[in-house]
Protein backbone atom coordinates (compact mmCIF):
# COMPACT_ATOMS: atom_id res chain seq x y z
CA MET A 1 -2.16 16.36 -7.57
CA LEU A 2 -0.71 16.43 -4.09
CA PHE A 3 -1.69 13.38 -2.04
CA ILE A 4 -1.49 13.64 1.73
CA LEU A 5 -2.14 10.60 3.92
CA GLN A 6 -4.69 11.64 6.55
CA THR A 7 -5.29 8.33 8.32
CA GLY A 8 -4.84 4.64 7.80
CA ARG A 9 -6.78 1.98 9.66
CA PHE A 10 -5.20 -1.44 9.53
CA PRO A 11 -5.78 -4.51 11.71
CA ALA A 12 -3.01 -5.02 14.25
CA LYS A 13 -3.28 -8.79 13.68
CA ALA A 14 -4.08 -10.80 10.58
CA ALA A 15 -3.52 -14.30 9.21
CA ALA A 16 -2.05 -15.64 6.00
CA ASP A 17 -4.65 -16.93 3.51
CA LYS A 18 -7.33 -14.75 5.18
CA PRO A 19 -8.97 -11.44 4.22
CA PHE A 20 -7.24 -8.22 5.26
CA THR A 21 -9.55 -5.19 5.35
CA PHE A 22 -8.16 -1.67 5.68
CA THR A 23 -9.20 1.94 5.17
CA ILE A 24 -6.99 4.77 3.92
CA LYS A 25 -8.06 8.39 3.99
CA LEU A 26 -6.15 10.72 1.66
CA ARG A 27 -6.49 14.36 0.81
CA ASN A 28 -5.68 15.50 -2.69
CA ALA A 29 -4.51 19.06 -2.03
CA GLY A 30 -3.72 19.62 -5.70
CA TYR A 31 -5.85 20.70 -8.63
CA ALA A 32 -6.38 17.38 -10.41
CA SER A 33 -6.13 13.62 -10.10
CA PRO A 34 -3.58 11.52 -12.03
CA PHE A 35 -4.43 11.32 -15.72
CA ASN A 36 -2.87 7.97 -16.61
CA PRO A 37 -3.92 4.66 -15.09
CA ARG A 38 -1.52 3.20 -12.56
CA PRO A 39 -1.52 0.21 -10.20
CA VAL A 40 -1.96 0.57 -6.45
CA HIS A 41 -0.13 -1.91 -4.22
CA LEU A 42 -0.12 -2.59 -0.52
CA ILE A 43 3.35 -3.88 0.37
CA PHE A 44 4.01 -6.03 3.44
CA ARG A 45 7.71 -6.10 4.41
CA SER A 46 8.89 -8.57 7.04
CA LYS A 47 10.68 -6.80 9.88
CA SER A 48 12.87 -9.87 10.46
CA THR A 49 13.81 -10.98 6.92
CA GLY A 50 12.98 -8.01 4.69
CA ALA A 51 10.90 -10.28 2.43
CA GLU A 52 8.16 -8.36 0.64
CA TYR A 53 4.65 -9.36 -0.32
CA LYS A 54 2.96 -7.10 -2.87
CA LEU A 55 -0.83 -7.16 -3.04
CA SER A 56 -2.69 -5.43 -5.85
CA ALA A 57 -5.40 -3.21 -4.46
CA HIS A 58 -8.80 -2.37 -5.91
CA ALA A 59 -8.28 1.36 -6.31
CA ASP A 60 -7.91 3.81 -9.18
CA PRO A 61 -5.96 6.99 -8.34
CA ARG A 62 -7.57 8.68 -11.36
CA THR A 63 -10.71 8.94 -9.20
CA TRP A 64 -8.90 10.62 -6.30
CA PHE A 65 -10.04 14.13 -7.18
CA PRO A 66 -9.15 17.21 -5.13
CA GLY A 67 -10.48 16.99 -1.59
CA GLU A 68 -10.89 14.11 0.84
CA GLN A 69 -10.78 10.55 -0.48
CA THR A 70 -11.60 7.51 1.64
CA TRP A 71 -10.73 4.10 0.27
CA THR A 72 -11.65 0.81 1.94
CA ASP A 73 -10.39 -2.43 0.49
CA THR A 74 -10.22 -6.14 1.33
CA LEU A 75 -7.30 -8.20 0.06
CA THR A 76 -6.48 -11.83 0.74
CA LEU A 77 -3.05 -12.37 2.26
CA PRO A 78 -0.86 -14.97 0.52
CA ARG A 79 -1.09 -18.48 1.93
CA ASP A 80 2.71 -18.82 2.00
CA MET A 81 3.23 -15.62 4.00
CA PRO A 82 5.31 -16.55 7.08
CA ALA A 83 4.23 -15.52 10.55
CA GLY A 84 5.84 -12.37 11.89
CA ASN A 85 5.66 -8.59 12.07
CA TYR A 86 5.35 -6.63 8.83
CA ASP A 87 5.71 -2.94 8.00
CA LEU A 88 3.06 -1.62 5.59
CA PHE A 89 3.73 0.53 2.53
CA LEU A 90 1.64 2.01 -0.26
CA ALA A 91 3.13 1.86 -3.76
CA LEU A 92 1.78 3.81 -6.74
CA PRO A 93 4.21 2.88 -9.54
CA ASP A 94 3.94 3.70 -13.21
CA LYS A 95 1.86 1.23 -15.22
CA SER A 96 4.59 0.68 -17.81
CA ASP A 97 6.70 -2.42 -17.18
CA ARG A 98 9.76 -0.39 -18.25
CA LEU A 99 9.12 2.30 -15.61
CA ALA A 100 7.34 0.47 -12.77
CA ALA A 101 10.54 -0.38 -10.89
CA ASN A 102 11.94 3.16 -11.23
CA PRO A 103 11.01 5.18 -8.10
CA ALA A 104 11.25 8.42 -10.10
CA TYR A 105 7.97 7.43 -11.80
CA SER A 106 6.08 6.51 -8.60
CA ILE A 107 3.65 8.81 -6.86
CA ARG A 108 5.11 10.19 -3.65
CA LEU A 109 2.83 11.15 -0.77
CA ALA A 110 3.44 14.65 0.56
CA ASN A 111 3.79 13.49 4.17
CA ALA A 112 7.17 13.94 5.86
CA ASP A 113 9.27 10.84 6.51
CA CYS A 114 7.17 8.35 4.58
CA TRP A 115 8.97 8.19 1.21
CA GLU A 116 11.56 5.51 0.50
CA PRO A 117 13.60 6.90 -2.39
CA GLY A 118 15.21 3.56 -3.20
CA THR A 119 11.92 1.70 -3.66
CA GLY A 120 9.34 4.38 -4.45
CA TYR A 121 7.21 3.11 -1.55
CA ASN A 122 5.29 5.28 0.91
CA ARG A 123 5.57 4.10 4.52
CA LEU A 124 2.13 3.92 6.12
CA GLY A 125 3.39 3.85 9.72
CA ALA A 126 1.64 0.59 10.55
CA ILE A 127 2.96 -2.76 11.74
CA VAL A 128 0.83 -5.88 11.35
CA ASP A 129 1.39 -9.14 13.22
CA ILE A 130 0.71 -11.94 10.74
CA ALA A 131 -0.13 -15.46 11.88
CA ALA A 132 0.70 -18.43 9.67
CA ALA A 133 -2.06 -19.90 7.54
CA PRO A 134 -4.09 -22.59 9.24
CA SER A 135 -2.84 -26.06 8.38
CA GLY A 136 -4.97 -28.73 6.81
CA LYS A 137 -5.83 -27.14 3.48
């Protein structure tokens, strides 16, 4: 498996406690998909505080066979997510609790300048302006 990010379409603006719909197009330039199950996370990192919000996506990399793969997903942003600008990352850690935090066991995209070796995250090159959740709930 050799995953290459082709495109990512993310809203420029979103709001806490609201749906966030995005599309990622990958190309698996390898000969197979991952064999073992693993989680897929979209990570929002605040540009001002560095706080991270990890959302579990509805994707299974075992189905990303060689060739083009397009994945569209809708996740609900956390209600307590503060307003601000957030960098987006894709994380594909190991499923094991013992290995999930170890970047050596995360899937690294083949794109240049997207890998964060300290976290095992893949930078998606998108910034999203998040508005605070509407009050009154």
